[in-house]
Amino acid sequence: MRVLLVEDDQLLGDGLSVGLEQMGYTVDWITDGNQAEAALQDDALDLAILDISLPGQDGLTLLRRIRQQNNPIPVLLLTARDSLDDRVLGLDSGADDYLPKPFDLGELAARLRAISRRRAGRGSPLLRHGAITLDPAGRTVHLNDQPVTCTSREYAILEALLIHSGQVLSRQRLEEALYGWDDGVESNAIEVYIHHLRKKLGKSTIQTIRGMGYKIPKQADGNV
């Protein structure tokens, strides 16, 4: 899952970037509000973590501006301000959630998962497709209730395809889920990861749509 982190505190920003990447997120980190406004136009982003106190333009102004542009990206606000009025103002400005500093990284990750789940219209914390169950909290995959070992990038591709089940995701879109702006992209990496997932989960799990990309078909029973 691709996250834009907008935080000007170098120590906190570095710690969050490393911690979230260790949890499997792809993180792009920006320290300036004006630069963040341009970055938030990237459709590949799944979530944004936005500090309120920023150089360039503050986080609340930035949040209002992107909501006025009908940008639906889920946003979690970070702030040292923890009064009731501050929380209400942040949520009424368009934030999906609000987390006062200091905070635990595990709580931040749980809130990101909850935001993503609500935006997708899912009640269950698990992603299920036939015999496949993916647990975003534990970053585990099971097939017929048996654990399946996946690399972090195989997991990221499977998660993206399950979240967007029924939709065709292009090779570029899958690359964007795996690699940040500064990462090098291997030429045939997506094909290799798809091949490995099919070996582990069954050849028919992921369909190739020639000239367009890949998809996991949406199920009629309400699961992904």
C-alpha atoms as a PDB file:
ATOM      1  CA  MET A   1       0.000   0.000   0.000  1.00  0.00           C
ATOM      2  CA  ARG A   2       1.408   3.378  -1.048  1.00  0.00           C
ATOM      3  CA  VAL A   3       1.505   6.125   1.605  1.00  0.00           C
ATOM      4  CA  LEU A   4       2.458   9.789   1.311  1.00  0.00           C
ATOM      5  CA  LEU A   5       3.991  11.025   4.565  1.00  0.00           C
ATOM      6  CA  VAL A   6       4.004  14.821   4.972  1.00  0.00           C
ATOM      7  CA  GLU A   7       6.079  15.619   8.068  1.00  0.00           C
ATOM      8  CA  ASP A   8       8.760  18.298   8.508  1.00  0.00           C
ATOM      9  CA  ASP A   9      10.277  16.887  11.709  1.00  0.00           C
ATOM     10  CA  GLN A  10      13.309  15.035  10.372  1.00  0.00           C
ATOM     11  CA  LEU A  11      13.648  12.634  13.284  1.00  0.00           C
ATOM     12  CA  LEU A  12       9.961  11.714  13.348  1.00  0.00           C
ATOM     13  CA  GLY A  13       9.710  11.536   9.568  1.00  0.00           C
ATOM     14  CA  ASP A  14      12.694   9.221   9.314  1.00  0.00           C
ATOM     15  CA  GLY A  15      11.371   6.983  12.094  1.00  0.00           C
ATOM     16  CA  LEU A  16       7.907   6.767  10.536  1.00  0.00           C
ATOM     17  CA  SER A  17       9.292   6.044   7.078  1.00  0.00           C
ATOM     18  CA  VAL A  18      11.484   3.216   8.331  1.00  0.00           C
ATOM     19  CA  GLY A  19       8.806   1.795  10.624  1.00  0.00           C
ATOM     20  CA  LEU A  20       6.035   1.828   8.032  1.00  0.00           C
ATOM     21  CA  GLU A  21       8.300   0.323   5.382  1.00  0.00           C
ATOM     22  CA  GLN A  22       9.165  -2.481   7.798  1.00  0.00           C
ATOM     23  CA  MET A  23       5.407  -3.078   8.094  1.00  0.00           C
ATOM     24  CA  GLY A  24       5.171  -3.445   4.322  1.00  0.00           C
ATOM     25  CA  TYR A  25       4.049   0.029   3.253  1.00  0.00           C
ATOM     26  CA  THR A  26       5.658   1.868   0.360  1.00  0.00           C
ATOM     27  CA  VAL A  27       6.382   5.353   1.757  1.00  0.00           C
ATOM     28  CA  ASP A  28       7.080   8.641  -0.033  1.00  0.00           C
ATOM     29  CA  TRP A  29       8.162  11.327   2.447  1.00  0.00           C
ATOM     30  CA  ILE A  30       7.763  15.072   1.867  1.00  0.00           C
ATOM     31  CA  THR A  31       8.552  17.879   4.335  1.00  0.00           C
ATOM     32  CA  ASP A  32       6.824  20.877   2.712  1.00  0.00           C
ATOM     33  CA  GLY A  33       3.106  21.632   2.384  1.00  0.00           C
ATOM     34  CA  ASN A  34       3.368  23.204  -1.060  1.00  0.00           C
ATOM     35  CA  GLN A  35       5.279  20.217  -2.458  1.00  0.00           C
ATOM     36  CA  ALA A  36       2.755  17.904  -0.845  1.00  0.00           C
ATOM     37  CA  GLU A  37      -0.153  19.543  -2.679  1.00  0.00           C
ATOM     38  CA  ALA A  38       1.413  18.631  -6.014  1.00  0.00           C
ATOM     39  CA  ALA A  39       2.369  15.153  -4.803  1.00  0.00           C
ATOM     40  CA  LEU A  40      -1.195  14.425  -3.700  1.00  0.00           C
ATOM     41  CA  GLN A  41      -2.324  14.526  -7.327  1.00  0.00           C
ATOM     42  CA  ASP A  42      -0.627  11.140  -7.826  1.00  0.00           C
ATOM     43  CA  ASP A  43      -3.411   8.580  -8.308  1.00  0.00           C
ATOM     44  CA  ALA A  44      -1.098   5.782  -7.188  1.00  0.00           C
ATOM     45  CA  LEU A  45      -1.254   6.961  -3.566  1.00  0.00           C
ATOM     46  CA  ASP A  46      -3.546   4.968  -1.291  1.00  0.00           C
ATOM     47  CA  LEU A  47      -3.275   7.030   1.906  1.00  0.00           C
ATOM     48  CA  ALA A  48      -1.788  10.260   3.235  1.00  0.00           C
ATOM     49  CA  ILE A  49      -0.372  11.003   6.696  1.00  0.00           C
ATOM     50  CA  LEU A  50      -0.415  14.762   7.133  1.00  0.00           C
ATOM     51  CA  ASP A  51       1.162  16.828   9.895  1.00  0.00           C
ATOM     52  CA  ILE A  52      -0.722  20.032  10.702  1.00  0.00           C
ATOM     53  CA  SER A  53       2.346  22.224  11.311  1.00  0.00           C
ATOM     54  CA  LEU A  54       4.216  22.425   8.006  1.00  0.00           C
ATOM     55  CA  PRO A  55       6.342  24.963   6.124  1.00  0.00           C
ATOM     56  CA  GLY A  56       4.959  26.260   2.825  1.00  0.00           C
ATOM     57  CA  GLN A  57       1.330  25.838   3.854  1.00  0.00           C
ATOM     58  CA  ASP A  58      -0.040  24.270   6.992  1.00  0.00           C
ATOM     59  CA  GLY A  59      -1.704  20.903   6.966  1.00  0.00           C
ATOM     60  CA  LEU A  60      -5.247  22.138   7.520  1.00  0.00           C
ATOM     61  CA  THR A  61      -5.001  24.573   4.604  1.00  0.00           C
ATOM     62  CA  LEU A  62      -3.592  21.821   2.422  1.00  0.00           C
ATOM     63  CA  LEU A  63      -6.348  19.446   3.499  1.00  0.00           C
ATOM     64  CA  ARG A  64      -9.084  21.958   2.689  1.00  0.00           C
ATOM     65  CA  ARG A  65      -7.538  22.677  -0.709  1.00  0.00           C
ATOM     66  CA  ILE A  66      -7.379  19.035  -1.805  1.00  0.00           C
ATOM     67  CA  ARG A  67     -10.948  18.429  -0.602  1.00  0.00           C
ATOM     68  CA  GLN A  68     -12.101  21.469  -2.601  1.00  0.00           C
ATOM     69  CA  GLN A  69     -10.462  19.768  -5.603  1.00  0.00           C
ATOM     70  CA  ASN A  70     -12.553  16.633  -4.829  1.00  0.00           C
ATOM     71  CA  ASN A  71      -9.430  14.626  -4.061  1.00  0.00           C
ATOM     72  CA  PRO A  72     -10.802  11.605  -2.128  1.00  0.00           C
ATOM     73  CA  ILE A  73      -7.490  10.253  -0.776  1.00  0.00           C
ATOM     74  CA  PRO A  74      -7.889   9.060   2.834  1.00  0.00           C
ATOM     75  CA  VAL A  75      -6.012  11.412   5.189  1.00  0.00           C
ATOM     76  CA  LEU A  76      -4.789  10.837   8.732  1.00  0.00           C
ATOM     77  CA  LEU A  77      -3.830  14.053  10.548  1.00  0.00           C
ATOM     78  CA  LEU A  78      -0.883  14.192  12.956  1.00  0.00           C
ATOM     79  CA  THR A  79      -0.585  17.042  15.409  1.00  0.00           C
ATOM     80  CA  ALA A  80       0.808  18.083  18.759  1.00  0.00           C
ATOM     81  CA  ARG A  81      -2.482  19.940  19.393  1.00  0.00           C
ATOM     82  CA  ASP A  82      -4.959  17.771  21.248  1.00  0.00           C
ATOM     83  CA  SER A  83      -7.834  20.005  22.306  1.00  0.00           C
ATOM     84  CA  LEU A  84     -11.396  19.039  21.417  1.00  0.00           C
ATOM     85  CA  ASP A  85     -11.696  22.114  19.178  1.00  0.00           C
ATOM     86  CA  ASP A  86      -8.539  21.111  17.270  1.00  0.00           C
ATOM     87  CA  ARG A  87      -9.839  17.585  16.694  1.00  0.00           C
ATOM     88  CA  VAL A  88     -13.220  18.834  15.515  1.00  0.00           C
ATOM     89  CA  LEU A  89     -11.582  21.363  13.187  1.00  0.00           C
ATOM     90  CA  GLY A  90      -9.336  18.742  11.660  1.00  0.00           C
ATOM     91  CA  LEU A  91     -12.167  16.283  11.032  1.00  0.00           C
ATOM     92  CA  ASP A  92     -14.468  18.989   9.689  1.00  0.00           C
ATOM     93  CA  SER A  93     -11.705  20.084   7.306  1.00  0.00           C
ATOM     94  CA  GLY A  94     -11.838  16.684   5.623  1.00  0.00           C
ATOM     95  CA  ALA A  95      -9.606  14.377   7.659  1.00  0.00           C
ATOM     96  CA  ASP A  96     -10.603  10.733   7.980  1.00  0.00           C
ATOM     97  CA  ASP A  97      -8.892  10.353  11.344  1.00  0.00           C
ATOM     98  CA  TYR A  98      -6.798  12.316  13.820  1.00  0.00           C
ATOM     99  CA  LEU A  99      -3.832  11.143  15.894  1.00  0.00           C
ATOM    100  CA  PRO A 100      -2.180  13.365  18.537  1.00  0.00           C
ATOM    101  CA  LYS A 101       1.559  13.203  19.175  1.00  0.00           C
ATOM    102  CA  PRO A 102       3.213  11.298  20.742  1.00  0.00           C
ATOM    103  CA  PHE A 103       1.755   8.048  19.438  1.00  0.00           C
ATOM    104  CA  ASP A 104       2.649   4.397  19.021  1.00  0.00           C
ATOM    105  CA  LEU A 105       3.545   3.160  15.535  1.00  0.00           C
ATOM    106  CA  GLY A 106       1.271   0.166  15.984  1.00  0.00           C
ATOM    107  CA  GLU A 107      -1.719   2.430  16.640  1.00  0.00           C
ATOM    108  CA  LEU A 108      -0.868   4.525  13.575  1.00  0.00           C
ATOM    109  CA  ALA A 109      -0.788   1.395  11.389  1.00  0.00           C
ATOM    110  CA  ALA A 110      -4.097   0.169  12.866  1.00  0.00           C
ATOM    111  CA  ARG A 111      -5.734   3.521  12.109  1.00  0.00           C
ATOM    112  CA  LEU A 112      -4.424   3.412   8.534  1.00  0.00           C
ATOM    113  CA  ARG A 113      -5.924  -0.049   8.077  1.00  0.00           C
ATOM    114  CA  ALA A 114      -9.253   1.130   9.519  1.00  0.00           C
ATOM    115  CA  ILE A 115      -9.347   4.175   7.222  1.00  0.00           C
ATOM    116  CA  SER A 116      -8.581   2.020   4.198  1.00  0.00           C
ATOM    117  CA  ARG A 117     -11.250  -0.490   5.198  1.00  0.00           C
ATOM    118  CA  ARG A 118     -13.927   2.185   5.641  1.00  0.00           C
ATOM    119  CA  ARG A 119     -13.107   3.843   2.327  1.00  0.00           C
ATOM    120  CA  ALA A 120     -13.385   0.465   0.574  1.00  0.00           C
ATOM    121  CA  GLY A 121     -16.770  -0.155   2.214  1.00  0.00           C
ATOM    122  CA  ARG A 122     -15.577  -3.301   3.995  1.00  0.00           C
ATOM    123  CA  GLY A 123     -16.703  -4.266   7.474  1.00  0.00           C
ATOM    124  CA  SER A 124     -14.356  -7.209   7.906  1.00  0.00           C
ATOM    125  CA  PRO A 125     -10.677  -6.620   8.668  1.00  0.00           C
ATOM    126  CA  LEU A 126      -9.877  -9.629   6.475  1.00  0.00           C
ATOM    127  CA  LEU A 127      -9.778  -9.866   2.683  1.00  0.00           C
ATOM    128  CA  ARG A 128     -11.295 -13.120   1.433  1.00  0.00           C
ATOM    129  CA  HIS A 129     -11.545 -14.581  -2.047  1.00  0.00           C
ATOM    130  CA  GLY A 130     -12.671 -18.181  -2.311  1.00  0.00           C
ATOM    131  CA  ALA A 131     -10.200 -20.244  -0.327  1.00  0.00           C
ATOM    132  CA  ILE A 132      -7.787 -17.310   0.070  1.00  0.00           C
ATOM    133  CA  THR A 133      -7.727 -15.197   3.235  1.00  0.00           C
ATOM    134  CA  LEU A 134      -5.431 -12.194   3.609  1.00  0.00           C
ATOM    135  CA  ASP A 135      -4.994 -10.510   6.997  1.00  0.00           C
ATOM    136  CA  PRO A 136      -3.641  -6.941   6.630  1.00  0.00           C
ATOM    137  CA  ALA A 137      -2.937  -6.621  10.357  1.00  0.00           C
ATOM    138  CA  GLY A 138      -0.772  -9.713  10.545  1.00  0.00           C
ATOM    139  CA  ARG A 139       0.333  -9.510   6.899  1.00  0.00           C
ATOM    140  CA  THR A 140      -0.476 -13.189   6.503  1.00  0.00           C
ATOM    141  CA  VAL A 141      -2.012 -15.206   3.666  1.00  0.00           C
ATOM    142  CA  HIS A 142      -3.885 -18.493   4.030  1.00  0.00           C
ATOM    143  CA  LEU A 143      -5.159 -20.911   1.392  1.00  0.00           C
ATOM    144  CA  ASN A 144      -7.759 -23.400   2.628  1.00  0.00           C
ATOM    145  CA  ASP A 145      -6.795 -22.324   6.174  1.00  0.00           C
ATOM    146  CA  GLN A 146      -3.167 -23.265   5.554  1.00  0.00           C
ATOM    147  CA  PRO A 147      -0.478 -20.553   5.760  1.00  0.00           C
ATOM    148  CA  VAL A 148       1.123 -19.448   2.508  1.00  0.00           C
ATOM    149  CA  THR A 149       4.563 -17.863   2.643  1.00  0.00           C
ATOM    150  CA  CYS A 150       4.770 -14.703   0.504  1.00  0.00           C
ATOM    151  CA  THR A 151       7.532 -12.180   0.099  1.00  0.00           C
ATOM    152  CA  SER A 152       6.676  -8.594   0.997  1.00  0.00           C
ATOM    153  CA  ARG A 153       6.228  -7.660  -2.672  1.00  0.00           C
ATOM    154  CA  GLU A 154       4.175 -10.743  -3.511  1.00  0.00           C
ATOM    155  CA  TYR A 155       1.953  -9.826  -0.560  1.00  0.00           C
ATOM    156  CA  ALA A 156       1.655  -6.194  -1.757  1.00  0.00           C
ATOM    157  CA  ILE A 157       0.576  -7.288  -5.250  1.00  0.00           C
ATOM    158  CA  LEU A 158      -1.962  -9.763  -3.876  1.00  0.00           C
ATOM    159  CA  GLU A 159      -3.366  -7.154  -1.481  1.00  0.00           C
ATOM    160  CA  ALA A 160      -3.737  -4.585  -4.277  1.00  0.00           C
ATOM    161  CA  LEU A 161      -5.503  -7.086  -6.541  1.00  0.00           C
ATOM    162  CA  LEU A 162      -7.848  -8.203  -3.753  1.00  0.00           C
ATOM    163  CA  ILE A 163      -8.722  -4.655  -2.696  1.00  0.00           C
ATOM    164  CA  HIS A 164      -9.519  -3.860  -6.337  1.00  0.00           C
ATOM    165  CA  SER A 165     -11.062  -7.230  -7.182  1.00  0.00           C
ATOM    166  CA  GLY A 166     -12.963  -7.165 -10.440  1.00  0.00           C
ATOM    167  CA  GLN A 167     -10.798  -4.319 -11.739  1.00  0.00           C
ATOM    168  CA  VAL A 168      -7.871  -4.650 -14.108  1.00  0.00           C
ATOM    169  CA  LEU A 169      -4.672  -3.239 -12.632  1.00  0.00           C
ATOM    170  CA  SER A 170      -2.011  -2.369 -15.166  1.00  0.00           C
ATOM    171  CA  ARG A 171       1.602  -3.357 -14.757  1.00  0.00           C
ATOM    172  CA  GLN A 172       2.395   0.312 -14.076  1.00  0.00           C
ATOM    173  CA  ARG A 173      -0.250   0.510 -11.341  1.00  0.00           C
ATOM    174  CA  LEU A 174       1.179  -2.569  -9.644  1.00  0.00           C
ATOM    175  CA  GLU A 175       4.696  -1.157  -9.922  1.00  0.00           C
ATOM    176  CA  GLU A 176       3.464   2.022  -8.253  1.00  0.00           C
ATOM    177  CA  ALA A 177       2.143  -0.056  -5.358  1.00  0.00           C
ATOM    178  CA  LEU A 178       5.582  -1.605  -4.852  1.00  0.00           C
ATOM    179  CA  TYR A 179       8.063   1.172  -5.543  1.00  0.00           C
ATOM    180  CA  GLY A 180       8.468   4.702  -4.219  1.00  0.00           C
ATOM    181  CA  TRP A 181       9.525   7.659  -6.346  1.00  0.00           C
ATOM    182  CA  ASP A 182      13.218   7.048  -5.692  1.00  0.00           C
ATOM    183  CA  ASP A 183      13.213   3.273  -6.126  1.00  0.00           C
ATOM    184  CA  GLY A 184      14.509   1.537  -9.211  1.00  0.00           C
ATOM    185  CA  VAL A 185      12.007  -0.720 -10.969  1.00  0.00           C
ATOM    186  CA  GLU A 186      13.123  -4.080 -12.359  1.00  0.00           C
ATOM    187  CA  SER A 187      11.901  -4.576 -15.914  1.00  0.00           C
ATOM    188  CA  ASN A 188      10.061  -7.898 -15.458  1.00  0.00           C
ATOM    189  CA  ALA A 189       9.481  -7.827 -11.696  1.00  0.00           C
ATOM    190  CA  ILE A 190       5.669  -7.806 -11.843  1.00  0.00           C
ATOM    191  CA  GLU A 191       5.539 -10.819 -14.146  1.00  0.00           C
ATOM    192  CA  VAL A 192       7.864 -12.739 -11.809  1.00  0.00           C
ATOM    193  CA  TYR A 193       5.787 -11.943  -8.710  1.00  0.00           C
ATOM    194  CA  ILE A 194       2.542 -12.874 -10.487  1.00  0.00           C
ATOM    195  CA  HIS A 195       4.106 -16.166 -11.588  1.00  0.00           C
ATOM    196  CA  HIS A 196       5.113 -16.970  -7.992  1.00  0.00           C
ATOM    197  CA  LEU A 197       1.661 -16.105  -6.644  1.00  0.00           C
ATOM    198  CA  ARG A 198      -0.005 -18.367  -9.187  1.00  0.00           C
ATOM    199  CA  LYS A 199       2.243 -21.246  -8.156  1.00  0.00           C
ATOM    200  CA  LYS A 200       1.301 -20.711  -4.520  1.00  0.00           C
ATOM    201  CA  LEU A 201      -2.407 -19.907  -4.885  1.00  0.00           C
ATOM    202  CA  GLY A 202      -3.467 -21.571  -8.135  1.00  0.00           C
ATOM    203  CA  LYS A 203      -3.075 -20.619 -11.776  1.00  0.00           C
ATOM    204  CA  SER A 204      -6.635 -19.330 -12.145  1.00  0.00           C
ATOM    205  CA  THR A 205      -6.476 -16.990  -9.136  1.00  0.00           C
ATOM    206  CA  ILE A 206      -4.966 -14.079 -11.072  1.00  0.00           C
ATOM    207  CA  GLN A 207      -6.139 -13.485 -14.630  1.00  0.00           C
ATOM    208  CA  THR A 208      -4.042 -11.833 -17.324  1.00  0.00           C
ATOM    209  CA  ILE A 209      -6.019  -9.367 -19.436  1.00  0.00           C
ATOM    210  CA  ARG A 210      -3.940  -9.123 -22.574  1.00  0.00           C
ATOM    211  CA  GLY A 211      -2.629  -5.656 -23.285  1.00  0.00           C
ATOM    212  CA  MET A 212      -4.200  -4.264 -20.095  1.00  0.00           C
ATOM    213  CA  GLY A 213      -2.895  -5.944 -16.956  1.00  0.00           C
ATOM    214  CA  TYR A 214      -4.055  -8.340 -14.256  1.00  0.00           C
ATOM    215  CA  LYS A 215      -7.127  -8.893 -12.134  1.00  0.00           C
ATOM    216  CA  ILE A 216      -8.713 -11.138  -9.542  1.00  0.00           C
ATOM    217  CA  PRO A 217     -12.372 -11.623 -10.528  1.00  0.00           C
ATOM    218  CA  LYS A 218     -14.959 -10.207  -8.130  1.00  0.00           C
ATOM    219  CA  GLN A 219     -17.077 -12.857  -6.440  1.00  0.00           C
ATOM    220  CA  ALA A 220     -20.864 -12.823  -6.423  1.00  0.00           C
ATOM    221  CA  ASP A 221     -21.080 -13.840  -2.733  1.00  0.00           C
ATOM    222  CA  GLY A 222     -20.060 -10.411  -1.428  1.00  0.00           C
ATOM    223  CA  ASN A 223     -16.450 -11.321  -0.668  1.00  0.00           C
ATOM    224  CA  VAL A 224     -13.723  -9.484  -2.575  1.00  0.00           C
END
